[in-house]
PDB file of N, CA and C in Angstrom:
ATOM      1  N   MET A   1      -5.875   4.950   3.604  1.00  0.00           N
ATOM      2  CA  MET A   1      -4.403   5.085   3.653  1.00  0.00           C
ATOM      3  C   MET A   1      -4.067   6.324   4.448  1.00  0.00           C
ATOM      4  N   ARG A   2      -4.887   7.323   4.304  1.00  0.00           N
ATOM      5  CA  ARG A   2      -4.504   8.612   4.990  1.00  0.00           C
ATOM      6  C   ARG A   2      -4.597   8.481   6.549  1.00  0.00           C
ATOM      7  N   ARG A   3      -5.450   7.603   7.014  1.00  0.00           N
ATOM      8  CA  ARG A   3      -5.660   7.424   8.539  1.00  0.00           C
ATOM      9  C   ARG A   3      -4.462   6.784   9.149  1.00  0.00           C
ATOM     10  N   ILE A   4      -3.732   5.957   8.363  1.00  0.00           N
ATOM     11  CA  ILE A   4      -2.557   5.259   8.794  1.00  0.00           C
ATOM     12  C   ILE A   4      -1.228   6.018   8.633  1.00  0.00           C
ATOM     13  N   ARG A   5      -1.297   7.174   8.114  1.00  0.00           N
ATOM     14  CA  ARG A   5      -0.039   7.794   7.775  1.00  0.00           C
ATOM     15  C   ARG A   5       0.934   8.136   8.911  1.00  0.00           C
ATOM     16  N   HIS A   6       0.414   8.287  10.167  1.00  0.00           N
ATOM     17  CA  HIS A   6       1.318   8.596  11.219  1.00  0.00           C
ATOM     18  C   HIS A   6       1.523   7.354  12.170  1.00  0.00           C
ATOM     19  N   ASP A   7       1.117   6.135  11.739  1.00  0.00           N
ATOM     20  CA  ASP A   7       1.265   5.010  12.548  1.00  0.00           C
ATOM     21  C   ASP A   7       2.717   4.526  12.313  1.00  0.00           C
ATOM     22  N   ALA A   8       3.136   3.644  13.158  1.00  0.00           N
ATOM     23  CA  ALA A   8       4.444   2.951  13.069  1.00  0.00           C
ATOM     24  C   ALA A   8       4.416   2.232  11.686  1.00  0.00           C
ATOM     25  N   ILE A   9       5.603   1.989  11.051  1.00  0.00           N
ATOM     26  CA  ILE A   9       5.673   1.319   9.765  1.00  0.00           C
ATOM     27  C   ILE A   9       5.082  -0.103   9.898  1.00  0.00           C
ATOM     28  N   SER A  10       5.441  -0.811  10.909  1.00  0.00           N
ATOM     29  CA  SER A  10       4.944  -2.213  11.102  1.00  0.00           C
ATOM     30  C   SER A  10       3.374  -2.200  11.141  1.00  0.00           C
ATOM     31  N   ASP A  11       2.812  -1.207  11.794  1.00  0.00           N
ATOM     32  CA  ASP A  11       1.337  -1.151  11.854  1.00  0.00           C
ATOM     33  C   ASP A  11       0.844  -0.756  10.390  1.00  0.00           C
ATOM     34  N   GLN A  12       1.509   0.049   9.699  1.00  0.00           N
ATOM     35  CA  GLN A  12       1.126   0.416   8.323  1.00  0.00           C
ATOM     36  C   GLN A  12       1.121  -0.803   7.421  1.00  0.00           C
ATOM     37  N   VAL A  13       2.153  -1.583   7.520  1.00  0.00           N
ATOM     38  CA  VAL A  13       2.246  -2.836   6.841  1.00  0.00           C
ATOM     39  C   VAL A  13       1.010  -3.805   7.002  1.00  0.00           C
ATOM     40  N   ALA A  14       0.782  -3.938   8.317  1.00  0.00           N
ATOM     41  CA  ALA A  14      -0.285  -4.876   8.729  1.00  0.00           C
ATOM     42  C   ALA A  14      -1.628  -4.366   8.221  1.00  0.00           C
ATOM     43  N   ASP A  15      -1.819  -3.051   8.248  1.00  0.00           N
ATOM     44  CA  ASP A  15      -3.134  -2.492   7.866  1.00  0.00           C
ATOM     45  C   ASP A  15      -3.236  -2.548   6.248  1.00  0.00           C
ATOM     46  N   ILE A  16      -2.158  -2.278   5.548  1.00  0.00           N
ATOM     47  CA  ILE A  16      -2.179  -2.358   4.149  1.00  0.00           C
ATOM     48  C   ILE A  16      -2.357  -3.822   3.672  1.00  0.00           C
ATOM     49  N   ASN A  17      -1.767  -4.750   4.342  1.00  0.00           N
ATOM     50  CA  ASN A  17      -1.929  -6.150   3.913  1.00  0.00           C
ATOM     51  C   ASN A  17      -3.340  -6.652   4.159  1.00  0.00           C
ATOM     52  N   ARG A  18      -3.886  -6.166   5.288  1.00  0.00           N
ATOM     53  CA  ARG A  18      -5.258  -6.554   5.559  1.00  0.00           C
ATOM     54  C   ARG A  18      -6.251  -6.020   4.509  1.00  0.00           C
ATOM     55  N   VAL A  19      -6.099  -4.795   4.165  1.00  0.00           N
ATOM     56  CA  VAL A  19      -6.933  -4.222   3.156  1.00  0.00           C
ATOM     57  C   VAL A  19      -6.763  -4.906   1.740  1.00  0.00           C
ATOM     58  N   LEU A  20      -5.451  -5.186   1.408  1.00  0.00           N
ATOM     59  CA  LEU A  20      -5.238  -5.815   0.122  1.00  0.00           C
ATOM     60  C   LEU A  20      -5.795  -7.224   0.071  1.00  0.00           C
ATOM     61  N   ARG A  21      -5.676  -7.982   1.227  1.00  0.00           N
ATOM     62  CA  ARG A  21      -6.253  -9.254   1.303  1.00  0.00           C
ATOM     63  C   ARG A  21      -7.752  -9.233   1.098  1.00  0.00           C
ATOM     64  N   GLY A  22      -8.393  -8.324   1.711  1.00  0.00           N
ATOM     65  CA  GLY A  22      -9.922  -8.218   1.493  1.00  0.00           C
ATOM     66  C   GLY A  22     -10.240  -7.847   0.042  1.00  0.00           C
ATOM     67  N   HIS A  23      -9.411  -6.865  -0.520  1.00  0.00           N
ATOM     68  CA  HIS A  23      -9.700  -6.560  -1.970  1.00  0.00           C
ATOM     69  C   HIS A  23      -9.464  -7.778  -2.791  1.00  0.00           C
ATOM     70  N   TYR A  24      -8.436  -8.500  -2.625  1.00  0.00           N
ATOM     71  CA  TYR A  24      -8.169  -9.698  -3.420  1.00  0.00           C
ATOM     72  C   TYR A  24      -9.205 -10.654  -3.269  1.00  0.00           C
ATOM     73  N   ALA A  25      -9.614 -10.926  -2.071  1.00  0.00           N
ATOM     74  CA  ALA A  25     -10.782 -11.931  -1.793  1.00  0.00           C
ATOM     75  C   ALA A  25     -11.991 -11.524  -2.530  1.00  0.00           C
ATOM     76  N   TYR A  26     -12.256 -10.271  -2.671  1.00  0.00           N
ATOM     77  CA  TYR A  26     -13.572  -9.800  -3.248  1.00  0.00           C
ATOM     78  C   TYR A  26     -13.462  -9.815  -4.736  1.00  0.00           C
ATOM     79  N   TYR A  27     -12.299  -9.247  -5.278  1.00  0.00           N
ATOM     80  CA  TYR A  27     -12.188  -9.070  -6.786  1.00  0.00           C
ATOM     81  C   TYR A  27     -11.405 -10.182  -7.316  1.00  0.00           C
ATOM     82  N   GLY A  28     -10.803 -11.164  -6.579  1.00  0.00           N
ATOM     83  CA  GLY A  28      -9.981 -12.186  -7.097  1.00  0.00           C
ATOM     84  C   GLY A  28     -10.705 -13.277  -7.902  1.00  0.00           C
ATOM     85  N   VAL A  29     -11.162 -12.967  -9.087  1.00  0.00           N
ATOM     86  CA  VAL A  29     -11.840 -13.937  -9.914  1.00  0.00           C
ATOM     87  C   VAL A  29     -10.977 -14.222 -11.173  1.00  0.00           C
ATOM     88  N   PRO A  30     -11.092 -15.373 -11.755  1.00  0.00           N
ATOM     89  CA  PRO A  30     -10.287 -15.590 -12.963  1.00  0.00           C
ATOM     90  C   PRO A  30     -10.524 -14.609 -14.063  1.00  0.00           C
ATOM     91  N   GLY A  31      -9.416 -14.103 -14.633  1.00  0.00           N
ATOM     92  CA  GLY A  31      -9.366 -13.055 -15.662  1.00  0.00           C
ATOM     93  C   GLY A  31      -9.264 -11.654 -15.133  1.00  0.00           C
ATOM     94  N   ASN A  32      -9.066 -11.535 -13.833  1.00  0.00           N
ATOM     95  CA  ASN A  32      -9.020 -10.254 -13.212  1.00  0.00           C
ATOM     96  C   ASN A  32      -7.586  -9.961 -12.711  1.00  0.00           C
ATOM     97  N   LEU A  33      -6.689 -10.761 -13.096  1.00  0.00           N
ATOM     98  CA  LEU A  33      -5.302 -10.594 -12.439  1.00  0.00           C
ATOM     99  C   LEU A  33      -4.674  -9.328 -12.924  1.00  0.00           C
ATOM    100  N   ARG A  34      -4.770  -8.848 -14.122  1.00  0.00           N
ATOM    101  CA  ARG A  34      -4.202  -7.553 -14.481  1.00  0.00           C
ATOM    102  C   ARG A  34      -4.736  -6.420 -13.645  1.00  0.00           C
ATOM    103  N   SER A  35      -5.952  -6.346 -13.348  1.00  0.00           N
ATOM    104  CA  SER A  35      -6.628  -5.271 -12.413  1.00  0.00           C
ATOM    105  C   SER A  35      -6.037  -5.376 -11.112  1.00  0.00           C
ATOM    106  N   LEU A  36      -5.846  -6.557 -10.568  1.00  0.00           N
ATOM    107  CA  LEU A  36      -5.302  -6.825  -9.188  1.00  0.00           C
ATOM    108  C   LEU A  36      -3.897  -6.299  -9.146  1.00  0.00           C
ATOM    109  N   ILE A  37      -3.088  -6.538 -10.194  1.00  0.00           N
ATOM    110  CA  ILE A  37      -1.670  -6.092 -10.214  1.00  0.00           C
ATOM    111  C   ILE A  37      -1.619  -4.544 -10.227  1.00  0.00           C
ATOM    112  N   LYS A  38      -2.542  -3.940 -10.949  1.00  0.00           N
ATOM    113  CA  LYS A  38      -2.586  -2.508 -10.961  1.00  0.00           C
ATOM    114  C   LYS A  38      -2.922  -1.883  -9.655  1.00  0.00           C
ATOM    115  N   VAL A  39      -3.803  -2.491  -8.950  1.00  0.00           N
ATOM    116  CA  VAL A  39      -4.136  -1.994  -7.550  1.00  0.00           C
ATOM    117  C   VAL A  39      -2.930  -2.099  -6.695  1.00  0.00           C
ATOM    118  N   TYR A  40      -2.345  -3.268  -6.664  1.00  0.00           N
ATOM    119  CA  TYR A  40      -1.151  -3.469  -5.874  1.00  0.00           C
ATOM    120  C   TYR A  40      -0.044  -2.454  -6.204  1.00  0.00           C
ATOM    121  N   GLN A  41       0.131  -2.243  -7.388  1.00  0.00           N
ATOM    122  CA  GLN A  41       1.300  -1.327  -7.860  1.00  0.00           C
ATOM    123  C   GLN A  41       0.928   0.144  -7.309  1.00  0.00           C
ATOM    124  N   GLY A  42      -0.415   0.483  -7.524  1.00  0.00           N
ATOM    125  CA  GLY A  42      -0.839   1.826  -7.110  1.00  0.00           C
ATOM    126  C   GLY A  42      -0.689   2.041  -5.621  1.00  0.00           C
ATOM    127  N   VAL A  43      -1.062   1.037  -4.788  1.00  0.00           N
ATOM    128  CA  VAL A  43      -0.930   1.036  -3.363  1.00  0.00           C
ATOM    129  C   VAL A  43       0.554   1.154  -3.030  1.00  0.00           C
ATOM    130  N   GLU A  44       1.394   0.436  -3.696  1.00  0.00           N
ATOM    131  CA  GLU A  44       2.877   0.487  -3.465  1.00  0.00           C
ATOM    132  C   GLU A  44       3.473   1.856  -3.721  1.00  0.00           C
ATOM    133  N   ARG A  45       3.046   2.444  -4.872  1.00  0.00           N
ATOM    134  CA  ARG A  45       3.548   3.845  -5.240  1.00  0.00           C
ATOM    135  C   ARG A  45       3.158   4.854  -4.193  1.00  0.00           C
ATOM    136  N   TYR A  46       1.859   4.782  -3.820  1.00  0.00           N
ATOM    137  CA  TYR A  46       1.299   5.760  -2.814  1.00  0.00           C
ATOM    138  C   TYR A  46       2.019   5.581  -1.552  1.00  0.00           C
ATOM    139  N   TRP A  47       2.226   4.335  -1.072  1.00  0.00           N
ATOM    140  CA  TRP A  47       2.847   4.154   0.235  1.00  0.00           C
ATOM    141  C   TRP A  47       4.245   4.520   0.242  1.00  0.00           C
ATOM    142  N   ARG A  48       5.064   4.408  -0.904  1.00  0.00           N
ATOM    143  CA  ARG A  48       6.378   4.823  -0.968  1.00  0.00           C
ATOM    144  C   ARG A  48       6.479   6.320  -0.983  1.00  0.00           C
ATOM    145  N   ARG A  49       5.460   7.033  -1.576  1.00  0.00           N
ATOM    146  CA  ARG A  49       5.383   8.467  -1.563  1.00  0.00           C
ATOM    147  C   ARG A  49       5.110   8.992  -0.214  1.00  0.00           C
ATOM    148  N   MET A  50       4.217   8.277   0.508  1.00  0.00           N
ATOM    149  CA  MET A  50       3.863   8.624   1.856  1.00  0.00           C
ATOM    150  C   MET A  50       5.100   8.472   2.801  1.00  0.00           C
ATOM    151  N   LEU A  51       5.738   7.359   2.659  1.00  0.00           N
ATOM    152  CA  LEU A  51       6.992   7.189   3.500  1.00  0.00           C
ATOM    153  C   LEU A  51       8.024   8.148   3.130  1.00  0.00           C
ATOM    154  N   GLY A  52       8.260   8.493   1.857  1.00  0.00           N
ATOM    155  CA  GLY A  52       9.219   9.508   1.535  1.00  0.00           C
ATOM    156  C   GLY A  52       8.890  10.831   2.128  1.00  0.00           C
ATOM    157  N   SER A  53       7.645  11.250   2.178  1.00  0.00           N
ATOM    158  CA  SER A  53       7.354  12.478   2.786  1.00  0.00           C
ATOM    159  C   SER A  53       7.587  12.571   4.284  1.00  0.00           C
ATOM    160  N   ARG A  54       7.662  11.392   4.913  1.00  0.00           N
ATOM    161  CA  ARG A  54       8.005  11.386   6.370  1.00  0.00           C
ATOM    162  C   ARG A  54       9.462  11.530   6.580  1.00  0.00           C
ATOM    163  N   SER A  55      10.304  11.259   5.549  1.00  0.00           N
ATOM    164  CA  SER A  55      11.753  11.261   5.706  1.00  0.00           C
ATOM    165  C   SER A  55      12.324  12.662   5.674  1.00  0.00           C
ATOM    166  N   ARG A  56      13.421  12.877   6.423  1.00  0.00           N
ATOM    167  CA  ARG A  56      14.046  14.226   6.315  1.00  0.00           C
ATOM    168  C   ARG A  56      15.148  14.228   5.223  1.00  0.00           C
ATOM    169  N   ASP A  57      15.342  13.136   4.576  1.00  0.00           N
ATOM    170  CA  ASP A  57      16.338  12.956   3.571  1.00  0.00           C
ATOM    171  C   ASP A  57      15.729  13.167   2.203  1.00  0.00           C
ATOM    172  N   SER A  58      14.822  14.145   2.102  1.00  0.00           N
ATOM    173  CA  SER A  58      14.187  14.511   0.813  1.00  0.00           C
ATOM    174  C   SER A  58      13.558  13.346   0.017  1.00  0.00           C
ATOM    175  N   GLY A  59      12.991  12.408   0.779  1.00  0.00           N
ATOM    176  CA  GLY A  59      12.186  11.416   0.104  1.00  0.00           C
ATOM    177  C   GLY A  59      12.898  10.122  -0.205  1.00  0.00           C
ATOM    178  N   ARG A  60      14.175  10.052   0.134  1.00  0.00           N
ATOM    179  CA  ARG A  60      14.937   8.837  -0.130  1.00  0.00           C
ATOM    180  C   ARG A  60      14.659   7.769   0.920  1.00  0.00           C
ATOM    181  N   LEU A  61      14.384   6.581   0.495  1.00  0.00           N
ATOM    182  CA  LEU A  61      14.193   5.448   1.445  1.00  0.00           C
ATOM    183  C   LEU A  61      15.442   4.575   1.450  1.00  0.00           C
ATOM    184  N   SER A  62      15.781   4.132   2.673  1.00  0.00           N
ATOM    185  CA  SER A  62      16.884   3.146   2.703  1.00  0.00           C
ATOM    186  C   SER A  62      16.386   1.792   3.075  1.00  0.00           C
TER     187      SER A  62
END
């Protein structure tokens, strides 16, 4: 995630989706849904913090 920090937002979305699809393909077995949801939520929180740090509006996203 750190290497895409300064890319355009559309490029960030594409990279994050690619990584999550690979993660889901590898770990997506029956009974593992709770763990996959936690990974998704963690990535989403981290990405929102990263986008907020890019903003001049003290971290607010529109």
